[in-house]
Amino acid sequence: MTKYIIDRFEGNYAICEQEDQKIISIPKYKLPLHCKEGSVLIQDINGMYQIAPEEREKRKRNLKEKMNRLFE
């Protein structure tokens, strides 16, 4: 299952980065209402996207660990 990370919003599109670092545009109407920059999405069988909150927390934790190692 491919994961997408919302980088930013431009007009009616969310600009997202795939796991393979490819950039794609996803129409906002396919996104859940409460998504924001940094949200991790997965695509369901209907072509709509769902937020994967556990993945966002995992990314935040990994980033914090990297920052801690960098400044220690």
Protein backbone atom coordinates (compact mmCIF):
# COMPACT_ATOMS: atom_id res chain seq x y z
CA MET A 1 0.00 0.00 0.00
CA THR A 2 1.50 3.32 -1.08
CA LYS A 3 1.66 6.17 1.40
CA TYR A 4 1.45 9.83 0.45
CA ILE A 5 2.61 12.78 2.57
CA ILE A 6 0.94 16.13 2.02
CA ASP A 7 3.65 18.69 1.35
CA ARG A 8 1.41 21.69 0.63
CA PHE A 9 -1.86 22.84 -0.88
CA GLU A 10 -2.08 24.72 -4.17
CA GLY A 11 -5.53 25.80 -5.27
CA ASN A 12 -7.78 22.75 -5.44
CA TYR A 13 -4.91 20.27 -5.12
CA ALA A 14 -2.77 18.75 -2.41
CA ILE A 15 0.84 18.36 -3.53
CA CYS A 16 2.02 15.06 -2.09
CA GLU A 17 5.20 13.06 -1.96
CA GLN A 18 5.02 9.32 -2.48
CA GLU A 19 7.26 6.89 -0.62
CA ASP A 20 9.53 6.71 -3.68
CA GLN A 21 9.88 10.54 -3.49
CA LYS A 22 7.77 11.09 -6.59
CA ILE A 23 5.58 14.22 -6.38
CA ILE A 24 1.89 13.99 -7.32
CA SER A 25 -1.14 16.30 -7.19
CA ILE A 26 -4.30 14.97 -5.57
CA PRO A 27 -7.62 16.82 -5.96
CA LYS A 28 -8.86 18.12 -2.61
CA TYR A 29 -12.28 16.50 -3.06
CA LYS A 30 -10.60 13.09 -2.71
CA LEU A 31 -9.12 14.00 0.70
CA PRO A 32 -10.63 13.77 4.18
CA LEU A 33 -11.78 17.10 5.63
CA HIS A 34 -9.28 17.28 8.48
CA CYS A 35 -6.06 16.60 6.62
CA LYS A 36 -3.27 19.16 6.68
CA GLU A 37 0.35 19.58 5.64
CA GLY A 38 2.35 16.64 6.94
CA SER A 39 -0.64 14.29 7.03
CA VAL A 40 0.13 10.78 5.83
CA LEU A 41 -2.49 9.37 3.48
CA ILE A 42 -3.31 5.95 2.11
CA GLN A 43 -5.61 5.35 -0.86
CA ASP A 44 -8.67 3.15 -0.39
CA ILE A 45 -10.19 0.82 -2.97
CA ASN A 46 -12.59 3.57 -4.14
CA GLY A 47 -9.74 5.92 -5.08
CA MET A 48 -10.35 8.18 -2.08
CA TYR A 49 -7.70 8.89 0.54
CA GLN A 50 -7.72 8.26 4.27
CA ILE A 51 -5.47 9.70 6.97
CA ALA A 52 -3.04 7.26 8.59
CA PRO A 53 -2.52 9.01 11.97
CA GLU A 54 -0.11 6.39 13.32
CA GLU A 55 2.21 7.04 10.37
CA ARG A 56 2.30 10.78 11.04
CA GLU A 57 3.20 10.18 14.69
CA LYS A 58 5.90 7.73 13.62
CA ARG A 59 7.38 10.33 11.22
CA LYS A 60 7.31 13.03 13.93
CA ARG A 61 9.04 10.71 16.40
CA ASN A 62 11.74 9.78 13.86
CA LEU A 63 12.36 13.44 13.02
CA LYS A 64 12.65 14.33 16.70
CA GLU A 65 15.17 11.53 17.24
CA LYS A 66 17.25 12.74 14.29
CA MET A 67 17.20 16.31 15.59
CA ASN A 68 18.27 15.12 19.05
CA ARG A 69 21.20 13.16 17.60
CA LEU A 70 22.21 16.12 15.46
CA PHE A 71 22.40 18.53 18.40
CA GLU A 72 23.89 16.20 21.01
